[in-house]
Amino acid sequence: HDAYWTAMHFKDPCTEDEQKKFRLCNAQCGSSEHMDNVPSFCDQPLWHPDFTDKDLMRLDGDGFILEGHHFTCRHPGSRPLHHVFVVDTSTSMLYEDREPAMKELSGLPSLNNRLGAVVEACFSYLKERQSGGVHDADIVSFISFHAAAEVLFKAKPLHADLLLKEMMKVQVKGGTKFSPAWLAAGKLINEVKQETGLNRDCVMIFLSDGLA
């Protein structure tokens, strides 16, 4: 092949820099911030396998993953996030002055109340994040608290419909204490950082109906 082009006296009109760019994947970051600016492309070779969390770890978490591609541009919210819900499950959450609109929740006596409305809000938040296609590497944790704190699930991939089923398992118990909830959240966040090796930005959403 090389001998043929040499015999033809072929000279590539592209610069060495351009040739390097042609070897790269042509998947483009869809952020609106690029509309009036320079486009950003995946920095992996053409026809590369899906870029994963493990690949991101080798880069110390630099850049972000979208649909198996790796981008190094930066946008608000483009970094992978760890979403941590800390939810009050004391007995006052059984009051029915607030109810969920979703039939999956309102049809259950245990969730047709304040707690069900909170679960619905958590689901809506995750659905919005997921529908935006913001980040494939997002993870979600859920802590319920009353007089004590319990981890319902930890560092699960962001899949809103599957996580709704997990959140629907939450149960009401006892009184309300905030301190166990804060301590449990801090411990969980540190554990996840150590276990995954990725320094994700953390968004903690603390939901309660009163004082403690």
C-alpha atoms as a PDB file:
ATOM      1  CA  HIS A   1       0.000   0.000   0.000  1.00  0.00           C
ATOM      2  CA  ASP A   2       2.739   2.455   0.978  1.00  0.00           C
ATOM      3  CA  ALA A   3       4.826   1.443  -2.062  1.00  0.00           C
ATOM      4  CA  TYR A   4       1.877   2.108  -4.377  1.00  0.00           C
ATOM      5  CA  TRP A   5       1.378   5.663  -3.143  1.00  0.00           C
ATOM      6  CA  THR A   6       5.123   6.291  -3.238  1.00  0.00           C
ATOM      7  CA  ALA A   7       5.224   5.109  -6.883  1.00  0.00           C
ATOM      8  CA  MET A   8       2.295   7.432  -7.643  1.00  0.00           C
ATOM      9  CA  HIS A   9       4.254  10.317  -6.073  1.00  0.00           C
ATOM     10  CA  PHE A  10       1.240  11.042  -3.925  1.00  0.00           C
ATOM     11  CA  LYS A  11       1.651  13.863  -1.482  1.00  0.00           C
ATOM     12  CA  ASP A  12      -0.935  14.247   1.264  1.00  0.00           C
ATOM     13  CA  PRO A  13      -2.228  17.839   1.159  1.00  0.00           C
ATOM     14  CA  CYS A  14      -3.170  17.683   4.848  1.00  0.00           C
ATOM     15  CA  THR A  15      -0.786  18.917   7.492  1.00  0.00           C
ATOM     16  CA  GLU A  16       0.449  16.530  10.186  1.00  0.00           C
ATOM     17  CA  ASP A  17      -1.871  18.271  12.642  1.00  0.00           C
ATOM     18  CA  GLU A  18      -4.883  17.722  10.376  1.00  0.00           C
ATOM     19  CA  GLN A  19      -3.971  14.082   9.845  1.00  0.00           C
ATOM     20  CA  LYS A  20      -4.006  13.546  13.627  1.00  0.00           C
ATOM     21  CA  LYS A  21      -7.470  15.094  13.838  1.00  0.00           C
ATOM     22  CA  PHE A  22      -8.795  12.844  11.057  1.00  0.00           C
ATOM     23  CA  ARG A  23      -7.772   9.798  13.106  1.00  0.00           C
ATOM     24  CA  LEU A  24     -10.001  10.893  15.996  1.00  0.00           C
ATOM     25  CA  CYS A  25     -13.662  10.067  16.665  1.00  0.00           C
ATOM     26  CA  ASN A  26     -16.127  12.507  15.092  1.00  0.00           C
ATOM     27  CA  ALA A  27     -18.729  12.351  17.915  1.00  0.00           C
ATOM     28  CA  GLN A  28     -19.515  15.931  18.898  1.00  0.00           C
ATOM     29  CA  CYS A  29     -20.472  17.448  22.256  1.00  0.00           C
ATOM     30  CA  GLY A  30     -24.060  18.657  21.946  1.00  0.00           C
ATOM     31  CA  SER A  31     -23.858  21.435  24.523  1.00  0.00           C
ATOM     32  CA  SER A  32     -25.529  24.657  23.383  1.00  0.00           C
ATOM     33  CA  GLU A  33     -22.399  26.496  24.528  1.00  0.00           C
ATOM     34  CA  HIS A  34     -20.684  25.286  21.339  1.00  0.00           C
ATOM     35  CA  MET A  35     -23.322  26.718  18.988  1.00  0.00           C
ATOM     36  CA  ASP A  36     -21.533  30.066  18.561  1.00  0.00           C
ATOM     37  CA  ASN A  37     -18.112  28.747  19.384  1.00  0.00           C
ATOM     38  CA  VAL A  38     -15.556  26.098  18.416  1.00  0.00           C
ATOM     39  CA  PRO A  39     -17.129  22.603  18.383  1.00  0.00           C
ATOM     40  CA  SER A  40     -15.767  19.971  20.739  1.00  0.00           C
ATOM     41  CA  PHE A  41     -15.201  16.382  19.590  1.00  0.00           C
ATOM     42  CA  CYS A  42     -14.522  13.097  21.382  1.00  0.00           C
ATOM     43  CA  ASP A  43     -10.769  12.777  21.936  1.00  0.00           C
ATOM     44  CA  GLN A  44     -10.666   9.005  21.324  1.00  0.00           C
ATOM     45  CA  PRO A  45      -9.579   7.256  18.077  1.00  0.00           C
ATOM     46  CA  LEU A  46     -12.122   6.467  15.362  1.00  0.00           C
ATOM     47  CA  TRP A  47     -14.301   3.402  16.079  1.00  0.00           C
ATOM     48  CA  HIS A  48     -13.119   3.225  19.685  1.00  0.00           C
ATOM     49  CA  PRO A  49     -14.876   0.952  22.220  1.00  0.00           C
ATOM     50  CA  ASP A  50     -17.201   2.671  24.686  1.00  0.00           C
ATOM     51  CA  PHE A  51     -15.319   4.925  27.082  1.00  0.00           C
ATOM     52  CA  THR A  52     -16.121   3.812  30.652  1.00  0.00           C
ATOM     53  CA  ASP A  53     -15.766   4.876  34.283  1.00  0.00           C
ATOM     54  CA  LYS A  54     -12.570   2.813  34.529  1.00  0.00           C
ATOM     55  CA  ASP A  55     -11.080   4.704  31.590  1.00  0.00           C
ATOM     56  CA  LEU A  56     -12.016   7.974  33.294  1.00  0.00           C
ATOM     57  CA  MET A  57     -10.263   6.837  36.476  1.00  0.00           C
ATOM     58  CA  ARG A  58      -7.009   6.509  34.527  1.00  0.00           C
ATOM     59  CA  LEU A  59      -7.375  10.193  33.661  1.00  0.00           C
ATOM     60  CA  ASP A  60      -8.051  11.122  37.320  1.00  0.00           C
ATOM     61  CA  GLY A  61     -11.655  11.934  36.451  1.00  0.00           C
ATOM     62  CA  ASP A  62     -10.739  14.601  33.914  1.00  0.00           C
ATOM     63  CA  GLY A  63     -13.415  15.389  31.313  1.00  0.00           C
ATOM     64  CA  PHE A  64     -16.779  13.633  31.056  1.00  0.00           C
ATOM     65  CA  ILE A  65     -18.447  10.677  29.347  1.00  0.00           C
ATOM     66  CA  LEU A  66     -21.495  10.920  27.100  1.00  0.00           C
ATOM     67  CA  GLU A  67     -22.898   7.874  25.294  1.00  0.00           C
ATOM     68  CA  GLY A  68     -19.547   6.090  25.439  1.00  0.00           C
ATOM     69  CA  HIS A  69     -17.508   9.072  24.203  1.00  0.00           C
ATOM     70  CA  HIS A  70     -14.980  11.155  26.142  1.00  0.00           C
ATOM     71  CA  PHE A  71     -15.006  14.952  25.999  1.00  0.00           C
ATOM     72  CA  THR A  72     -12.589  17.369  27.616  1.00  0.00           C
ATOM     73  CA  CYS A  73     -14.671  20.544  27.225  1.00  0.00           C
ATOM     74  CA  ARG A  74     -16.162  21.968  30.404  1.00  0.00           C
ATOM     75  CA  HIS A  75     -19.722  23.113  31.004  1.00  0.00           C
ATOM     76  CA  PRO A  76     -21.756  23.687  34.148  1.00  0.00           C
ATOM     77  CA  GLY A  77     -23.018  20.250  35.149  1.00  0.00           C
ATOM     78  CA  SER A  78     -20.910  18.365  32.613  1.00  0.00           C
ATOM     79  CA  ARG A  79     -18.794  16.619  35.251  1.00  0.00           C
ATOM     80  CA  PRO A  80     -20.121  13.323  36.619  1.00  0.00           C
ATOM     81  CA  LEU A  81     -22.181  13.836  39.770  1.00  0.00           C
ATOM     82  CA  HIS A  82     -22.943  11.829  42.868  1.00  0.00           C
ATOM     83  CA  HIS A  83     -26.556  12.655  43.807  1.00  0.00           C
ATOM     84  CA  VAL A  84     -27.242  11.957  47.489  1.00  0.00           C
ATOM     85  CA  PHE A  85     -30.836  12.101  48.728  1.00  0.00           C
ATOM     86  CA  VAL A  86     -31.210  12.419  52.499  1.00  0.00           C
ATOM     87  CA  VAL A  87     -34.921  11.945  53.227  1.00  0.00           C
ATOM     88  CA  ASP A  88     -36.922  12.302  56.435  1.00  0.00           C
ATOM     89  CA  THR A  89     -38.947   9.130  57.091  1.00  0.00           C
ATOM     90  CA  SER A  90     -40.308  10.014  60.534  1.00  0.00           C
ATOM     91  CA  THR A  91     -43.989   9.317  61.310  1.00  0.00           C
ATOM     92  CA  SER A  92     -45.070  12.872  60.397  1.00  0.00           C
ATOM     93  CA  MET A  93     -44.288  11.967  56.757  1.00  0.00           C
ATOM     94  CA  LEU A  94     -47.464   9.859  56.832  1.00  0.00           C
ATOM     95  CA  TYR A  95     -49.640  12.994  56.863  1.00  0.00           C
ATOM     96  CA  GLU A  96     -51.771  13.229  53.733  1.00  0.00           C
ATOM     97  CA  ASP A  97     -51.745  17.027  53.322  1.00  0.00           C
ATOM     98  CA  ARG A  98     -49.300  16.448  50.443  1.00  0.00           C
ATOM     99  CA  GLU A  99     -49.793  13.568  48.016  1.00  0.00           C
ATOM    100  CA  PRO A 100     -47.986  12.327  44.894  1.00  0.00           C
ATOM    101  CA  ALA A 101     -49.599  12.725  41.480  1.00  0.00           C
ATOM    102  CA  MET A 102     -48.069   9.536  40.073  1.00  0.00           C
ATOM    103  CA  LYS A 103     -50.464   6.578  40.169  1.00  0.00           C
ATOM    104  CA  GLU A 104     -47.608   4.211  40.979  1.00  0.00           C
ATOM    105  CA  LEU A 105     -47.204   6.070  44.280  1.00  0.00           C
ATOM    106  CA  SER A 106     -50.715   7.359  45.080  1.00  0.00           C
ATOM    107  CA  GLY A 107     -52.072   3.823  44.686  1.00  0.00           C
ATOM    108  CA  LEU A 108     -49.983   2.615  47.624  1.00  0.00           C
ATOM    109  CA  PRO A 109     -51.358   3.428  51.105  1.00  0.00           C
ATOM    110  CA  SER A 110     -47.799   3.660  52.449  1.00  0.00           C
ATOM    111  CA  LEU A 111     -46.857   6.359  49.891  1.00  0.00           C
ATOM    112  CA  ASN A 112     -50.085   8.316  49.308  1.00  0.00           C
ATOM    113  CA  ASN A 113     -48.768  10.999  51.676  1.00  0.00           C
ATOM    114  CA  ARG A 114     -45.891  13.429  52.268  1.00  0.00           C
ATOM    115  CA  LEU A 115     -43.324  10.652  51.861  1.00  0.00           C
ATOM    116  CA  GLY A 116     -44.787   9.657  48.490  1.00  0.00           C
ATOM    117  CA  ALA A 117     -44.667  13.301  47.374  1.00  0.00           C
ATOM    118  CA  VAL A 118     -40.967  13.400  48.313  1.00  0.00           C
ATOM    119  CA  VAL A 119     -40.235  10.168  46.427  1.00  0.00           C
ATOM    120  CA  GLU A 120     -42.017  11.648  43.410  1.00  0.00           C
ATOM    121  CA  ALA A 121     -39.897  14.821  43.652  1.00  0.00           C
ATOM    122  CA  CYS A 122     -36.695  12.741  43.787  1.00  0.00           C
ATOM    123  CA  PHE A 123     -37.834  10.742  40.759  1.00  0.00           C
ATOM    124  CA  SER A 124     -38.678  13.918  38.787  1.00  0.00           C
ATOM    125  CA  TYR A 125     -35.244  15.353  39.577  1.00  0.00           C
ATOM    126  CA  LEU A 126     -33.478  12.196  38.364  1.00  0.00           C
ATOM    127  CA  LYS A 127     -35.676  11.954  35.271  1.00  0.00           C
ATOM    128  CA  GLU A 128     -34.794  15.527  34.334  1.00  0.00           C
ATOM    129  CA  ARG A 129     -31.075  14.893  34.800  1.00  0.00           C
ATOM    130  CA  GLN A 130     -31.291  11.682  32.775  1.00  0.00           C
ATOM    131  CA  SER A 131     -33.390  13.116  29.938  1.00  0.00           C
ATOM    132  CA  GLY A 132     -30.841  15.883  29.435  1.00  0.00           C
ATOM    133  CA  GLY A 133     -28.242  13.223  28.600  1.00  0.00           C
ATOM    134  CA  VAL A 134     -25.876  15.147  30.815  1.00  0.00           C
ATOM    135  CA  HIS A 135     -23.708  12.380  32.120  1.00  0.00           C
ATOM    136  CA  ASP A 136     -23.577   8.625  31.775  1.00  0.00           C
ATOM    137  CA  ALA A 137     -21.315   8.303  34.824  1.00  0.00           C
ATOM    138  CA  ASP A 138     -23.705   9.870  37.366  1.00  0.00           C
ATOM    139  CA  ILE A 139     -24.460   7.785  40.437  1.00  0.00           C
ATOM    140  CA  VAL A 140     -27.199   8.052  43.064  1.00  0.00           C
ATOM    141  CA  SER A 141     -27.422   7.247  46.778  1.00  0.00           C
ATOM    142  CA  PHE A 142     -30.422   7.392  49.127  1.00  0.00           C
ATOM    143  CA  ILE A 143     -30.368   7.751  52.914  1.00  0.00           C
ATOM    144  CA  SER A 144     -33.550   7.672  54.988  1.00  0.00           C
ATOM    145  CA  PHE A 145     -33.533   9.066  58.511  1.00  0.00           C
ATOM    146  CA  HIS A 146     -35.753   9.209  61.575  1.00  0.00           C
ATOM    147  CA  ALA A 147     -34.204   8.791  65.031  1.00  0.00           C
ATOM    148  CA  ALA A 148     -31.427   6.936  63.172  1.00  0.00           C
ATOM    149  CA  ALA A 149     -30.175   6.912  59.582  1.00  0.00           C
ATOM    150  CA  GLU A 150     -30.287   4.026  57.102  1.00  0.00           C
ATOM    151  CA  VAL A 151     -28.764   3.682  53.637  1.00  0.00           C
ATOM    152  CA  LEU A 152     -31.475   2.489  51.255  1.00  0.00           C
ATOM    153  CA  PHE A 153     -29.004   2.218  48.347  1.00  0.00           C
ATOM    154  CA  LYS A 154     -25.524   3.471  47.531  1.00  0.00           C
ATOM    155  CA  ALA A 155     -23.770   4.578  44.323  1.00  0.00           C
ATOM    156  CA  LYS A 156     -26.313   3.137  41.890  1.00  0.00           C
ATOM    157  CA  PRO A 157     -26.121   4.187  38.206  1.00  0.00           C
ATOM    158  CA  LEU A 158     -28.544   6.952  37.268  1.00  0.00           C
ATOM    159  CA  HIS A 159     -31.516   5.094  35.802  1.00  0.00           C
ATOM    160  CA  ALA A 160     -34.598   6.939  37.061  1.00  0.00           C
ATOM    161  CA  ASP A 161     -37.187   4.198  36.462  1.00  0.00           C
ATOM    162  CA  LEU A 162     -35.140   1.504  38.198  1.00  0.00           C
ATOM    163  CA  LEU A 163     -34.283   3.816  41.085  1.00  0.00           C
ATOM    164  CA  LEU A 164     -37.953   4.687  41.571  1.00  0.00           C
ATOM    165  CA  LYS A 165     -38.609   1.022  42.393  1.00  0.00           C
ATOM    166  CA  GLU A 166     -35.809   1.163  44.960  1.00  0.00           C
ATOM    167  CA  MET A 167     -37.086   4.407  46.506  1.00  0.00           C
ATOM    168  CA  MET A 168     -40.598   2.942  46.812  1.00  0.00           C
ATOM    169  CA  LYS A 169     -39.201   0.483  49.383  1.00  0.00           C
ATOM    170  CA  VAL A 170     -38.631   3.302  51.882  1.00  0.00           C
ATOM    171  CA  GLN A 171     -40.485   2.917  55.198  1.00  0.00           C
ATOM    172  CA  VAL A 172     -41.655   5.338  57.877  1.00  0.00           C
ATOM    173  CA  LYS A 173     -40.216   4.891  61.373  1.00  0.00           C
ATOM    174  CA  GLY A 174     -40.061   6.832  64.644  1.00  0.00           C
ATOM    175  CA  GLY A 175     -39.032  10.399  65.450  1.00  0.00           C
ATOM    176  CA  THR A 176     -36.713  12.922  63.788  1.00  0.00           C
ATOM    177  CA  LYS A 177     -33.002  13.568  64.368  1.00  0.00           C
ATOM    178  CA  PHE A 178     -30.881  15.440  61.846  1.00  0.00           C
ATOM    179  CA  SER A 179     -27.432  14.651  63.246  1.00  0.00           C
ATOM    180  CA  PRO A 180     -27.421  10.915  62.335  1.00  0.00           C
ATOM    181  CA  ALA A 181     -28.477  11.890  58.799  1.00  0.00           C
ATOM    182  CA  TRP A 182     -25.601  14.380  58.337  1.00  0.00           C
ATOM    183  CA  LEU A 183     -23.073  11.904  59.744  1.00  0.00           C
ATOM    184  CA  ALA A 184     -24.346   9.064  57.542  1.00  0.00           C
ATOM    185  CA  ALA A 185     -24.235  11.273  54.444  1.00  0.00           C
ATOM    186  CA  GLY A 186     -20.655  12.387  55.107  1.00  0.00           C
ATOM    187  CA  LYS A 187     -19.531   8.807  55.698  1.00  0.00           C
ATOM    188  CA  LEU A 188     -21.265   7.542  52.540  1.00  0.00           C
ATOM    189  CA  ILE A 189     -19.796  10.278  50.325  1.00  0.00           C
ATOM    190  CA  ASN A 190     -16.252   9.522  51.535  1.00  0.00           C
ATOM    191  CA  GLU A 191     -16.755   5.774  51.107  1.00  0.00           C
ATOM    192  CA  VAL A 192     -17.955   6.191  47.530  1.00  0.00           C
ATOM    193  CA  LYS A 193     -14.950   8.378  46.651  1.00  0.00           C
ATOM    194  CA  GLN A 194     -12.589   5.718  47.976  1.00  0.00           C
ATOM    195  CA  GLU A 195     -14.444   2.801  46.380  1.00  0.00           C
ATOM    196  CA  THR A 196     -14.843   4.289  42.906  1.00  0.00           C
ATOM    197  CA  GLY A 197     -11.577   6.219  42.712  1.00  0.00           C
ATOM    198  CA  LEU A 198     -13.465   9.063  41.012  1.00  0.00           C
ATOM    199  CA  ASN A 199     -13.721  12.481  42.577  1.00  0.00           C
ATOM    200  CA  ARG A 200     -17.273  13.221  41.425  1.00  0.00           C
ATOM    201  CA  ASP A 201     -18.881  16.488  42.363  1.00  0.00           C
ATOM    202  CA  CYS A 202     -21.510  15.771  44.991  1.00  0.00           C
ATOM    203  CA  VAL A 203     -25.064  17.130  45.093  1.00  0.00           C
ATOM    204  CA  MET A 204     -26.778  16.431  48.422  1.00  0.00           C
ATOM    205  CA  ILE A 205     -30.543  16.993  48.604  1.00  0.00           C
ATOM    206  CA  PHE A 206     -31.839  17.077  52.179  1.00  0.00           C
ATOM    207  CA  LEU A 207     -35.635  16.725  52.491  1.00  0.00           C
ATOM    208  CA  SER A 208     -37.586  17.037  55.733  1.00  0.00           C
ATOM    209  CA  ASP A 209     -41.003  18.328  56.816  1.00  0.00           C
ATOM    210  CA  GLY A 210     -39.929  19.955  60.067  1.00  0.00           C
ATOM    211  CA  LEU A 211     -37.396  20.692  62.794  1.00  0.00           C
ATOM    212  CA  ALA A 212     -35.404  18.339  64.961  1.00  0.00           C
END
